Structure formats: structure tokens, C-alpha cells
Amino acid sequence: MRTHLLWLLPLILLGSSAQALKCHECSGIEDCYKPKTCSSQSLYCLTNWYTPPGQQTTVTKTCAYTCPDINHVTANSKSSCCNTDLCNSARNLHISWGLLALGLCYIYLSQ
């Protein structure tokens, strides 16, 4: 019986670490594709975009325990949360809209 308990402890520890959320982590304007295994208490991946007036947008990505303001937007910042592994990897949405506009212009002009 005691031997079975000794084998059970490592399995429990391995099982709990396998359940930990993985998020990208960065701060500022550095490379934001750095996967990190979050603590077991972190339930969300948080991304915050902040653009001071007249300056470059800075992005902060991290693990978060709570997400009280999902998709919260103010004049200079936007925050979003997600809860699956590496779900906060998307680049800034302005790039996607720009590519969409470029594609539509190409289609319109090629007719």
C-alpha cells in the first residue's frame, strides 16, 4: 500500500503541471512570441496594447489570474484575454485590416 502511494505522488505532480496554461509573454516593443508556462492559478492569457499620444504602441502579454475587463477599450489602450494555450499570439489587428484593404483594392483594380 505504501509503495502505491509513493508512485501516486509523482503522477499527481506531473498531471497538475500538464494542466498549466501556456501564454506568450513580453513587455514593451520586444519580441512577443516567448511561450511561458503559467502557474496553476493563472486562468487567462492577457494582452494589453497601449499607445501614448504621438508614440509607438507597446504590447504587454502575460499570464493572468483574472480578467475583469475582457476586451476593454479606452482612448489609448485595449486589453483582451483568452484561456487556451498560446492563444495570445495574434499580431496587432491593424496589420490584418491593412492586408484586407490591400487585397480588396487589388481585386477592384484588376477588374
N, C-alpha and C. Protein backbone atom coordinates (compact mmCIF):
# COMPACT_ATOMS: atom_id res chain seq x y z
N MET A 1 0.83 -1.20 0.00
CA MET A 1 0.00 0.00 0.00
C MET A 1 0.87 1.26 0.00
N ARG A 2 1.90 1.25 0.83
CA ARG A 2 2.77 2.40 0.92
C ARG A 2 3.51 2.63 -0.40
N THR A 3 3.91 1.56 -1.07
CA THR A 3 4.59 1.66 -2.36
C THR A 3 3.68 2.30 -3.41
N HIS A 4 2.41 1.96 -3.39
CA HIS A 4 1.45 2.54 -4.33
C HIS A 4 1.31 4.04 -4.11
N LEU A 5 1.34 4.47 -2.88
CA LEU A 5 1.25 5.90 -2.59
C LEU A 5 2.48 6.65 -3.08
N LEU A 6 3.64 6.02 -2.99
CA LEU A 6 4.86 6.65 -3.48
C LEU A 6 4.82 6.84 -5.00
N TRP A 7 4.21 5.92 -5.72
CA TRP A 7 4.07 6.05 -7.18
C TRP A 7 2.98 7.04 -7.55
N LEU A 8 2.01 7.20 -6.69
CA LEU A 8 0.90 8.09 -6.98
C LEU A 8 1.30 9.57 -6.90
N LEU A 9 2.18 9.92 -5.98
CA LEU A 9 2.59 11.32 -5.82
C LEU A 9 3.23 11.90 -7.08
N PRO A 10 4.21 11.26 -7.72
CA PRO A 10 4.76 11.84 -8.96
C PRO A 10 3.72 11.96 -10.07
N LEU A 11 2.81 11.02 -10.15
CA LEU A 11 1.76 11.11 -11.18
C LEU A 11 0.86 12.31 -10.95
N ILE A 12 0.54 12.59 -9.71
CA ILE A 12 -0.28 13.75 -9.39
C ILE A 12 0.46 15.03 -9.75
N LEU A 13 1.74 15.10 -9.40
CA LEU A 13 2.53 16.29 -9.71
C LEU A 13 2.69 16.49 -11.20
N LEU A 14 2.92 15.43 -11.95
CA LEU A 14 3.03 15.53 -13.40
C LEU A 14 1.70 15.94 -14.02
N GLY A 15 0.62 15.40 -13.51
CA GLY A 15 -0.70 15.73 -14.04
C GLY A 15 -1.05 17.19 -13.83
N SER A 16 -0.69 17.74 -12.67
CA SER A 16 -1.02 19.14 -12.42
C SER A 16 -0.18 20.08 -13.27
N SER A 17 1.09 19.74 -13.55
CA SER A 17 1.90 20.61 -14.40
C SER A 17 1.46 20.52 -15.85
N ALA A 18 0.91 19.39 -16.26
CA ALA A 18 0.44 19.25 -17.64
C ALA A 18 -0.79 20.10 -17.90
N GLN A 19 -1.51 20.47 -16.85
CA GLN A 19 -2.72 21.26 -16.99
C GLN A 19 -2.45 22.76 -17.00
N ALA A 20 -1.21 23.18 -16.73
CA ALA A 20 -0.91 24.61 -16.66
C ALA A 20 -1.06 25.26 -18.03
N LEU A 21 -1.62 26.44 -18.02
CA LEU A 21 -1.83 27.22 -19.24
C LEU A 21 -0.48 27.75 -19.75
N LYS A 22 -0.34 27.84 -21.05
CA LYS A 22 0.85 28.42 -21.66
C LYS A 22 0.44 29.70 -22.38
N CYS A 23 1.17 30.77 -22.11
CA CYS A 23 0.90 32.07 -22.73
C CYS A 23 2.19 32.65 -23.28
N HIS A 24 2.06 33.52 -24.28
CA HIS A 24 3.21 34.29 -24.73
C HIS A 24 3.42 35.40 -23.72
N GLU A 25 4.69 35.77 -23.50
CA GLU A 25 4.99 36.80 -22.51
C GLU A 25 5.99 37.80 -23.08
N CYS A 26 5.69 39.09 -22.93
CA CYS A 26 6.61 40.14 -23.34
C CYS A 26 6.15 41.45 -22.72
N SER A 27 7.00 42.45 -22.83
CA SER A 27 6.66 43.77 -22.33
C SER A 27 7.36 44.80 -23.20
N GLY A 28 6.62 45.80 -23.63
CA GLY A 28 7.20 46.85 -24.45
C GLY A 28 7.09 46.54 -25.92
N ILE A 29 8.16 46.82 -26.65
CA ILE A 29 8.15 46.61 -28.11
C ILE A 29 9.04 45.45 -28.51
N GLU A 30 9.40 44.60 -27.56
CA GLU A 30 10.26 43.45 -27.84
C GLU A 30 9.48 42.33 -28.50
N ASP A 31 10.18 41.26 -28.83
CA ASP A 31 9.57 40.07 -29.44
C ASP A 31 8.52 39.49 -28.50
N CYS A 32 7.30 39.38 -28.97
CA CYS A 32 6.19 38.92 -28.12
C CYS A 32 5.82 37.46 -28.35
N TYR A 33 6.73 36.68 -28.86
CA TYR A 33 6.43 35.27 -29.10
C TYR A 33 7.35 34.40 -28.24
N LYS A 34 7.24 34.61 -26.93
CA LYS A 34 8.04 33.87 -25.96
C LYS A 34 7.09 33.03 -25.10
N PRO A 35 6.90 31.76 -25.43
CA PRO A 35 5.99 30.93 -24.65
C PRO A 35 6.47 30.76 -23.21
N LYS A 36 5.52 30.81 -22.30
CA LYS A 36 5.81 30.63 -20.87
C LYS A 36 4.72 29.75 -20.28
N THR A 37 5.12 28.82 -19.44
CA THR A 37 4.15 28.01 -18.72
C THR A 37 3.72 28.79 -17.49
N CYS A 38 2.44 29.05 -17.39
CA CYS A 38 1.90 29.85 -16.29
C CYS A 38 1.81 29.02 -15.01
N SER A 39 1.64 29.70 -13.90
CA SER A 39 1.40 28.99 -12.65
C SER A 39 0.01 28.36 -12.72
N SER A 40 -0.24 27.43 -11.86
CA SER A 40 -1.52 26.72 -11.89
C SER A 40 -2.70 27.64 -11.54
N GLN A 41 -2.43 28.77 -10.90
CA GLN A 41 -3.51 29.71 -10.56
C GLN A 41 -3.90 30.62 -11.73
N SER A 42 -3.06 30.73 -12.73
CA SER A 42 -3.36 31.59 -13.88
C SER A 42 -4.36 30.91 -14.79
N LEU A 43 -5.45 31.58 -15.04
CA LEU A 43 -6.52 31.03 -15.86
C LEU A 43 -6.61 31.68 -17.24
N TYR A 44 -5.90 32.80 -17.43
CA TYR A 44 -6.03 33.56 -18.67
C TYR A 44 -4.67 33.98 -19.21
N CYS A 45 -4.64 34.20 -20.52
CA CYS A 45 -3.53 34.89 -21.16
C CYS A 45 -4.03 36.31 -21.43
N LEU A 46 -3.30 37.30 -20.97
CA LEU A 46 -3.70 38.69 -21.09
C LEU A 46 -2.81 39.40 -22.09
N THR A 47 -3.42 40.19 -22.97
CA THR A 47 -2.68 41.05 -23.89
C THR A 47 -3.18 42.46 -23.72
N ASN A 48 -2.25 43.40 -23.59
CA ASN A 48 -2.61 44.81 -23.46
C ASN A 48 -1.82 45.61 -24.50
N TRP A 49 -2.52 46.42 -25.28
CA TRP A 49 -1.90 47.33 -26.24
C TRP A 49 -2.07 48.74 -25.68
N TYR A 50 -0.98 49.49 -25.61
CA TYR A 50 -1.04 50.85 -25.09
C TYR A 50 -0.32 51.78 -26.05
N THR A 51 -1.00 52.84 -26.47
CA THR A 51 -0.43 53.81 -27.39
C THR A 51 -0.49 55.20 -26.78
N PRO A 52 0.62 55.66 -26.19
CA PRO A 52 0.64 57.04 -25.69
C PRO A 52 0.51 58.00 -26.87
N PRO A 53 -0.11 59.16 -26.69
CA PRO A 53 -0.28 60.10 -27.80
C PRO A 53 1.05 60.42 -28.48
N GLY A 54 1.09 60.23 -29.79
CA GLY A 54 2.27 60.53 -30.57
C GLY A 54 3.42 59.55 -30.45
N GLN A 55 3.18 58.39 -29.84
CA GLN A 55 4.25 57.42 -29.64
C GLN A 55 3.87 56.07 -30.22
N GLN A 56 4.85 55.16 -30.24
CA GLN A 56 4.64 53.82 -30.77
C GLN A 56 3.84 52.97 -29.77
N THR A 57 3.02 52.07 -30.30
CA THR A 57 2.24 51.17 -29.46
C THR A 57 3.15 50.18 -28.77
N THR A 58 2.93 49.99 -27.48
CA THR A 58 3.66 48.96 -26.74
C THR A 58 2.68 47.85 -26.41
N VAL A 59 3.17 46.63 -26.45
CA VAL A 59 2.34 45.46 -26.20
C VAL A 59 2.88 44.74 -24.98
N THR A 60 1.98 44.36 -24.08
CA THR A 60 2.34 43.55 -22.92
C THR A 60 1.51 42.29 -22.97
N LYS A 61 2.18 41.15 -22.89
CA LYS A 61 1.50 39.85 -22.87
C LYS A 61 1.98 39.09 -21.65
N THR A 62 1.05 38.47 -20.95
CA THR A 62 1.42 37.77 -19.73
C THR A 62 0.33 36.80 -19.30
N CYS A 63 0.63 36.00 -18.29
CA CYS A 63 -0.37 35.14 -17.65
C CYS A 63 -1.16 36.00 -16.66
N ALA A 64 -2.41 35.68 -16.45
CA ALA A 64 -3.23 36.46 -15.53
C ALA A 64 -4.14 35.55 -14.71
N TYR A 65 -4.34 35.94 -13.46
CA TYR A 65 -5.22 35.18 -12.57
C TYR A 65 -6.69 35.49 -12.86
N THR A 66 -6.96 36.73 -13.20
CA THR A 66 -8.33 37.15 -13.50
C THR A 66 -8.32 37.99 -14.78
N CYS A 67 -9.48 38.17 -15.32
CA CYS A 67 -9.64 39.04 -16.48
C CYS A 67 -10.92 39.84 -16.29
N PRO A 68 -10.86 40.87 -15.45
CA PRO A 68 -12.08 41.60 -15.12
C PRO A 68 -12.65 42.43 -16.27
N ASP A 69 -11.80 42.91 -17.17
CA ASP A 69 -12.26 43.78 -18.25
C ASP A 69 -11.95 43.16 -19.60
N ILE A 70 -12.62 42.06 -19.92
CA ILE A 70 -12.37 41.39 -21.20
C ILE A 70 -12.70 42.33 -22.34
N ASN A 71 -11.75 42.43 -23.27
CA ASN A 71 -11.89 43.29 -24.45
C ASN A 71 -12.20 44.73 -24.08
N HIS A 72 -11.59 45.19 -23.00
CA HIS A 72 -11.78 46.57 -22.53
C HIS A 72 -11.00 47.52 -23.44
N VAL A 73 -11.64 48.59 -23.87
CA VAL A 73 -11.00 49.56 -24.75
C VAL A 73 -11.15 50.94 -24.14
N THR A 74 -10.04 51.71 -24.10
CA THR A 74 -10.08 53.11 -23.71
C THR A 74 -9.46 53.91 -24.86
N ALA A 75 -9.30 55.20 -24.65
CA ALA A 75 -8.76 56.05 -25.72
C ALA A 75 -7.36 55.62 -26.15
N ASN A 76 -6.53 55.20 -25.20
CA ASN A 76 -5.14 54.88 -25.54
C ASN A 76 -4.77 53.42 -25.34
N SER A 77 -5.69 52.60 -24.91
CA SER A 77 -5.31 51.20 -24.65
C SER A 77 -6.46 50.24 -24.97
N LYS A 78 -6.06 49.01 -25.18
CA LYS A 78 -7.02 47.93 -25.40
C LYS A 78 -6.46 46.70 -24.71
N SER A 79 -7.32 45.95 -24.05
CA SER A 79 -6.91 44.71 -23.39
C SER A 79 -7.81 43.59 -23.86
N SER A 80 -7.25 42.39 -23.93
CA SER A 80 -8.06 41.22 -24.23
C SER A 80 -7.50 40.02 -23.50
N CYS A 81 -8.37 39.06 -23.24
CA CYS A 81 -7.99 37.84 -22.55
C CYS A 81 -8.46 36.63 -23.35
N CYS A 82 -7.76 35.52 -23.15
CA CYS A 82 -8.17 34.26 -23.73
C CYS A 82 -7.72 33.16 -22.78
N ASN A 83 -8.17 31.94 -22.99
CA ASN A 83 -7.87 30.90 -21.99
C ASN A 83 -7.48 29.55 -22.59
N THR A 84 -6.81 29.57 -23.74
CA THR A 84 -6.25 28.33 -24.30
C THR A 84 -4.76 28.53 -24.52
N ASP A 85 -4.02 27.44 -24.63
CA ASP A 85 -2.57 27.53 -24.76
C ASP A 85 -2.14 28.41 -25.93
N LEU A 86 -1.26 29.35 -25.64
CA LEU A 86 -0.65 30.26 -26.61
C LEU A 86 -1.67 31.03 -27.45
N CYS A 87 -2.81 31.29 -26.86
CA CYS A 87 -3.89 31.98 -27.58
C CYS A 87 -3.62 33.47 -27.76
N ASN A 88 -2.65 34.03 -27.05
CA ASN A 88 -2.38 35.46 -27.17
C ASN A 88 -1.23 35.74 -28.13
N SER A 89 -1.17 34.98 -29.22
CA SER A 89 -0.07 35.15 -30.17
C SER A 89 -0.40 36.06 -31.34
N ALA A 90 -1.65 36.44 -31.51
CA ALA A 90 -2.04 37.23 -32.69
C ALA A 90 -1.32 38.57 -32.71
N ARG A 91 -0.91 38.97 -33.88
CA ARG A 91 -0.27 40.28 -34.05
C ARG A 91 -1.34 41.36 -33.98
N ASN A 92 -0.89 42.58 -34.00
CA ASN A 92 -1.77 43.72 -33.94
C ASN A 92 -2.82 43.65 -35.06
N LEU A 93 -4.06 43.96 -34.74
CA LEU A 93 -5.15 43.85 -35.71
C LEU A 93 -5.04 44.85 -36.85
N HIS A 94 -4.32 45.95 -36.66
CA HIS A 94 -4.19 46.94 -37.73
C HIS A 94 -3.51 46.33 -38.95
N ILE A 95 -2.59 45.42 -38.76
CA ILE A 95 -1.90 44.77 -39.88
C ILE A 95 -2.90 43.95 -40.68
N SER A 96 -3.76 43.20 -40.01
CA SER A 96 -4.75 42.38 -40.70
C SER A 96 -5.72 43.24 -41.50
N TRP A 97 -6.19 44.34 -40.93
CA TRP A 97 -7.11 45.22 -41.65
C TRP A 97 -6.41 45.84 -42.86
N GLY A 98 -5.14 46.17 -42.71
CA GLY A 98 -4.38 46.73 -43.83
C GLY A 98 -4.25 45.74 -44.97
N LEU A 99 -3.97 44.49 -44.64
CA LEU A 99 -3.86 43.47 -45.68
C LEU A 99 -5.21 43.22 -46.35
N LEU A 100 -6.28 43.26 -45.59
CA LEU A 100 -7.61 43.09 -46.16
C LEU A 100 -7.91 44.23 -47.13
N ALA A 101 -7.62 45.46 -46.73
CA ALA A 101 -7.86 46.61 -47.60
C ALA A 101 -7.02 46.52 -48.87
N LEU A 102 -5.77 46.11 -48.73
CA LEU A 102 -4.90 45.96 -49.89
C LEU A 102 -5.44 44.91 -50.85
N GLY A 103 -5.92 43.80 -50.33
CA GLY A 103 -6.49 42.74 -51.16
C GLY A 103 -7.74 43.21 -51.89
N LEU A 104 -8.60 43.95 -51.19
CA LEU A 104 -9.82 44.46 -51.83
C LEU A 104 -9.48 45.47 -52.93
N CYS A 105 -8.48 46.32 -52.69
CA CYS A 105 -8.06 47.27 -53.73
C CYS A 105 -7.53 46.53 -54.95
N TYR A 106 -6.75 45.50 -54.73
CA TYR A 106 -6.21 44.72 -55.84
C TYR A 106 -7.33 44.09 -56.67
N ILE A 107 -8.31 43.50 -55.98
CA ILE A 107 -9.44 42.88 -56.69
C ILE A 107 -10.21 43.92 -57.48
N TYR A 108 -10.47 45.08 -56.89
CA TYR A 108 -11.22 46.14 -57.55
C TYR A 108 -10.47 46.66 -58.78
N LEU A 109 -9.18 46.88 -58.64
CA LEU A 109 -8.40 47.44 -59.74
C LEU A 109 -8.12 46.44 -60.85
N SER A 110 -8.16 45.15 -60.55
CA SER A 110 -7.85 44.14 -61.57
C SER A 110 -9.07 43.77 -62.41
N GLN A 111 -10.21 44.35 -62.16
CA GLN A 111 -11.41 44.02 -62.94
C GLN A 111 -11.50 44.83 -64.21
